[in-house]
C-alpha atoms as a PDB file:
ATOM      1  CA  MET A   1     100.846 178.087 -43.884  1.00  0.00           C
ATOM      2  CA  THR A   2     104.360 178.294 -42.013  1.00  0.00           C
ATOM      3  CA  LYS A   3     106.473 175.077 -41.341  1.00  0.00           C
ATOM      4  CA  GLU A   4     105.953 175.714 -37.531  1.00  0.00           C
ATOM      5  CA  GLU A   5     101.714 175.305 -38.338  1.00  0.00           C
ATOM      6  CA  LYS A   6     101.602 172.875 -40.383  1.00  0.00           C
ATOM      7  CA  LYS A   7     103.899 170.210 -38.153  1.00  0.00           C
ATOM      8  CA  LYS A   8     101.810 171.583 -35.287  1.00  0.00           C
ATOM      9  CA  ALA A   9      98.605 170.323 -37.727  1.00  0.00           C
ATOM     10  CA  LYS A  10     100.406 167.005 -39.086  1.00  0.00           C
ATOM     11  CA  GLU A  11     100.944 166.038 -34.938  1.00  0.00           C
ATOM     12  CA  GLU A  12      97.496 166.663 -34.430  1.00  0.00           C
ATOM     13  CA  ALA A  13      96.681 164.824 -36.903  1.00  0.00           C
ATOM     14  CA  LYS A  14      98.587 161.665 -35.644  1.00  0.00           C
ATOM     15  CA  ALA A  15      97.356 162.040 -32.284  1.00  0.00           C
ATOM     16  CA  LYS A  16      93.781 162.172 -33.231  1.00  0.00           C
ATOM     17  CA  LYS A  17      94.504 158.996 -35.790  1.00  0.00           C
ATOM     18  CA  LYS A  18      96.577 157.326 -32.739  1.00  0.00           C
ATOM     19  CA  GLN A  19      93.268 158.130 -30.500  1.00  0.00           C
ATOM     20  CA  GLU A  20      91.071 156.051 -32.846  1.00  0.00           C
ATOM     21  CA  LYS A  21      93.389 152.989 -33.204  1.00  0.00           C
ATOM     22  CA  LEU A  22      93.282 152.692 -29.366  1.00  0.00           C
ATOM     23  CA  ALA A  23      89.228 153.178 -29.362  1.00  0.00           C
ATOM     24  CA  ALA A  24      88.856 151.041 -32.010  1.00  0.00           C
ATOM     25  CA  LYS A  25      91.196 148.484 -30.196  1.00  0.00           C
ATOM     26  CA  GLN A  26      89.284 148.641 -26.806  1.00  0.00           C
ATOM     27  CA  ALA A  27      86.130 148.450 -28.765  1.00  0.00           C
ATOM     28  CA  LYS A  28      87.335 144.646 -30.609  1.00  0.00           C
ATOM     29  CA  LEU A  29      88.491 144.127 -26.538  1.00  0.00           C
ATOM     30  CA  ALA A  30      85.070 144.990 -25.603  1.00  0.00           C
ATOM     31  CA  ALA A  31      83.378 142.947 -28.049  1.00  0.00           C
ATOM     32  CA  LYS A  32      85.620 139.917 -27.374  1.00  0.00           C
ATOM     33  CA  GLU A  33      84.536 139.552 -23.483  1.00  0.00           C
ATOM     34  CA  ALA A  34      80.967 140.578 -24.257  1.00  0.00           C
ATOM     35  CA  LYS A  35      81.079 136.872 -26.654  1.00  0.00           C
ATOM     36  CA  LYS A  36      82.716 135.469 -24.721  1.00  0.00           C
ATOM     37  CA  LYS A  37      80.054 136.287 -21.592  1.00  0.00           C
ATOM     38  CA  GLY A  38      77.583 135.073 -23.681  1.00  0.00           C
ATOM     39  CA  GLN A  39      76.498 138.272 -24.738  1.00  0.00           C
ATOM     40  CA  ALA A  40      75.745 140.250 -27.486  1.00  0.00           C
ATOM     41  CA  PRO A  41      78.560 142.785 -28.764  1.00  0.00           C
ATOM     42  CA  GLN A  42      78.431 146.022 -28.673  1.00  0.00           C
ATOM     43  CA  THR A  43      78.038 147.762 -32.284  1.00  0.00           C
ATOM     44  CA  GLU A  44      78.161 151.266 -31.006  1.00  0.00           C
ATOM     45  CA  THR A  45      81.938 152.920 -31.546  1.00  0.00           C
ATOM     46  CA  VAL A  46      83.046 155.536 -29.388  1.00  0.00           C
ATOM     47  CA  LYS A  47      85.754 157.924 -31.212  1.00  0.00           C
ATOM     48  CA  ALA A  48      88.094 160.134 -29.723  1.00  0.00           C
ATOM     49  CA  GLN A  49      87.253 159.816 -26.176  1.00  0.00           C
ATOM     50  CA  PRO A  50      90.881 160.533 -23.310  1.00  0.00           C
ATOM     51  CA  VAL A  51      92.047 158.158 -22.529  1.00  0.00           C
ATOM     52  CA  ALA A  52      91.589 158.368 -18.932  1.00  0.00           C
ATOM     53  CA  GLU A  53      88.128 157.746 -19.533  1.00  0.00           C
ATOM     54  CA  LYS A  54      87.856 154.466 -21.363  1.00  0.00           C
ATOM     55  CA  ALA A  55      91.215 153.061 -18.575  1.00  0.00           C
ATOM     56  CA  ALA A  56      88.421 153.600 -15.834  1.00  0.00           C
ATOM     57  CA  PRO A  57      85.592 151.387 -17.506  1.00  0.00           C
ATOM     58  CA  ALA A  58      87.733 148.240 -18.407  1.00  0.00           C
ATOM     59  CA  LYS A  59      88.517 148.157 -15.085  1.00  0.00           C
ATOM     60  CA  GLU A  60      84.628 147.650 -13.863  1.00  0.00           C
ATOM     61  CA  LYS A  61      85.150 145.101 -16.379  1.00  0.00           C
ATOM     62  CA  ARG A  62      87.805 143.232 -14.732  1.00  0.00           C
ATOM     63  CA  GLU A  63      85.402 143.202 -11.508  1.00  0.00           C
ATOM     64  CA  GLU A  64      82.793 142.005 -12.699  1.00  0.00           C
ATOM     65  CA  LYS A  65      83.527 138.772 -13.077  1.00  0.00           C
ATOM     66  CA  PRO A  66      81.723 136.208 -10.601  1.00  0.00           C
ATOM     67  CA  ALA A  67      84.621 134.338  -9.057  1.00  0.00           C
ATOM     68  CA  PRO A  68      85.469 130.916  -9.713  1.00  0.00           C
ATOM     69  CA  GLN A  69      83.381 127.987  -8.244  1.00  0.00           C
ATOM     70  CA  ALA A  70      84.939 125.101  -6.254  1.00  0.00           C
ATOM     71  CA  GLY A  71      83.681 122.346  -8.798  1.00  0.00           C
ATOM     72  CA  ALA A  72      85.000 124.534 -11.846  1.00  0.00           C
ATOM     73  CA  ALA A  73      88.366 123.184 -11.071  1.00  0.00           C
ATOM     74  CA  GLU A  74      88.071 120.271 -10.478  1.00  0.00           C
ATOM     75  CA  GLY A  75      87.587 119.298 -14.292  1.00  0.00           C
ATOM     76  CA  LYS A  76      90.992 120.611 -15.801  1.00  0.00           C
ATOM     77  CA  ALA A  77      93.695 118.387 -15.976  1.00  0.00           C
ATOM     78  CA  LYS A  78      96.400 119.291 -12.803  1.00  0.00           C
ATOM     79  CA  THR A  79      99.760 120.060 -13.456  1.00  0.00           C
ATOM     80  CA  ALA A  80     102.559 117.847 -13.365  1.00  0.00           C
ATOM     81  CA  PRO A  81     104.591 117.387 -10.330  1.00  0.00           C
ATOM     82  CA  ARG A  82     108.009 119.498 -10.128  1.00  0.00           C
ATOM     83  CA  ASN A  83     111.374 118.117 -10.350  1.00  0.00           C
ATOM     84  CA  TYR A  84     114.331 119.640  -8.797  1.00  0.00           C
ATOM     85  CA  HIS A  85     117.685 118.595  -9.002  1.00  0.00           C
ATOM     86  CA  VAL A  86     120.501 119.325  -6.678  1.00  0.00           C
ATOM     87  CA  ALA A  87     124.133 119.553  -8.635  1.00  0.00           C
ATOM     88  CA  ARG A  88     127.528 120.749  -8.908  1.00  0.00           C
ATOM     89  CA  ARG A  89     128.669 123.156 -11.462  1.00  0.00           C
ATOM     90  CA  PRO A  90     132.087 123.877 -13.013  1.00  0.00           C
ATOM     91  CA  ASP A  91     133.172 126.444 -11.076  1.00  0.00           C
ATOM     92  CA  GLY A  92     131.976 124.466  -7.918  1.00  0.00           C
ATOM     93  CA  LYS A  93     128.807 126.111  -6.906  1.00  0.00           C
ATOM     94  CA  TRP A  94     126.213 124.054  -6.162  1.00  0.00           C
ATOM     95  CA  GLN A  95     122.670 124.611  -7.862  1.00  0.00           C
ATOM     96  CA  VAL A  96     119.189 123.934  -7.366  1.00  0.00           C
ATOM     97  CA  LYS A  97     117.065 123.886 -10.926  1.00  0.00           C
ATOM     98  CA  PHE A  98     114.212 122.635 -12.693  1.00  0.00           C
ATOM     99  CA  ALA A  99     114.382 118.776 -14.343  1.00  0.00           C
ATOM    100  CA  LYS A 100     114.121 120.092 -17.839  1.00  0.00           C
ATOM    101  CA  GLY A 101     115.665 123.849 -16.822  1.00  0.00           C
ATOM    102  CA  GLU A 102     119.321 125.319 -17.530  1.00  0.00           C
ATOM    103  CA  LYS A 103     118.880 128.505 -15.563  1.00  0.00           C
ATOM    104  CA  ALA A 104     119.534 127.942 -11.638  1.00  0.00           C
ATOM    105  CA  ILE A 105     116.915 129.198  -9.552  1.00  0.00           C
ATOM    106  CA  LYS A 106     120.160 129.382  -6.535  1.00  0.00           C
ATOM    107  CA  LEU A 107     123.229 128.612  -5.989  1.00  0.00           C
ATOM    108  CA  PHE A 108     124.608 127.565  -2.835  1.00  0.00           C
ATOM    109  CA  SER A 109     128.272 126.718  -1.485  1.00  0.00           C
ATOM    110  CA  THR A 110     127.529 123.168  -0.019  1.00  0.00           C
ATOM    111  CA  GLN A 111     125.931 120.013  -1.514  1.00  0.00           C
ATOM    112  CA  GLU A 112     124.026 119.795   2.059  1.00  0.00           C
ATOM    113  CA  GLU A 113     122.737 123.874   1.563  1.00  0.00           C
ATOM    114  CA  ALA A 114     121.327 123.029  -1.896  1.00  0.00           C
ATOM    115  CA  ILE A 115     119.921 119.939  -0.395  1.00  0.00           C
ATOM    116  CA  ALA A 116     117.806 121.802   2.349  1.00  0.00           C
ATOM    117  CA  TYR A 117     116.221 124.558  -0.056  1.00  0.00           C
ATOM    118  CA  ALA A 118     115.743 122.009  -2.396  1.00  0.00           C
ATOM    119  CA  LYS A 119     113.030 120.163   0.459  1.00  0.00           C
ATOM    120  CA  LYS A 120     111.857 123.640   0.796  1.00  0.00           C
ATOM    121  CA  LEU A 121     110.423 123.752  -2.953  1.00  0.00           C
ATOM    122  CA  ALA A 122     109.753 120.079  -3.411  1.00  0.00           C
ATOM    123  CA  ALA A 123     107.768 120.386  -0.273  1.00  0.00           C
ATOM    124  CA  ASN A 124     105.781 123.592  -1.457  1.00  0.00           C
ATOM    125  CA  GLN A 125     105.185 122.713  -4.589  1.00  0.00           C
ATOM    126  CA  ASP A 126     104.344 119.377  -4.568  1.00  0.00           C
ATOM    127  CA  GLY A 127     107.417 118.204  -5.863  1.00  0.00           C
ATOM    128  CA  SER A 128     110.718 115.562  -5.537  1.00  0.00           C
ATOM    129  CA  ILE A 129     114.447 115.418  -5.902  1.00  0.00           C
ATOM    130  CA  THR A 130     117.123 114.084  -7.664  1.00  0.00           C
ATOM    131  CA  ILE A 131     120.682 114.829  -6.093  1.00  0.00           C
ATOM    132  CA  HIS A 132     123.341 114.469  -8.485  1.00  0.00           C
ATOM    133  CA  LYS A 133     126.964 113.216  -7.120  1.00  0.00           C
ATOM    134  CA  LYS A 134     130.073 115.826  -8.279  1.00  0.00           C
ATOM    135  CA  ASP A 135     130.342 113.879 -11.425  1.00  0.00           C
ATOM    136  CA  GLY A 136     127.052 114.583 -12.264  1.00  0.00           C
ATOM    137  CA  SER A 137     125.893 111.077 -11.907  1.00  0.00           C
ATOM    138  CA  ILE A 138     122.482 110.713 -10.001  1.00  0.00           C
ATOM    139  CA  ARG A 139     123.263 110.155  -6.282  1.00  0.00           C
ATOM    140  CA  LYS A 140     119.717 109.579  -4.992  1.00  0.00           C
ATOM    141  CA  GLN A 141     116.037 110.145  -6.834  1.00  0.00           C
ATOM    142  CA  LYS A 142     112.641 110.659  -5.423  1.00  0.00           C
ATOM    143  CA  TYR A 143     114.322 112.344  -2.108  1.00  0.00           C
END
């Protein structure tokens, strides 16, 4: 056996092993989905199927999920309202950011523009605004 033949055989074995791992992973995911739906998991394992054939059934399974019922959302806890802060940065620009966020959502050259943008965000997200002065102290809260 030449070096090229050995290399080719090694690559084929590697590809086969990779396909088997993928098939095992997909079977595990299918069993998990079946368990969620209350169905008995399929014990039959499928080996060495082409990847394209496996991907199509997975999409169909996702589409089969029933639409959430209106009463189902009532039992879940609501998320806390978002609080946006309008504050001045060391470089002189005004920023809008989340209360506990480190990163600015958007930067503005004037405080007025930043407040207008924060109002839009707060209205869309059912949140509130905290406006800071140039020195960082709070000018107005719950805008």
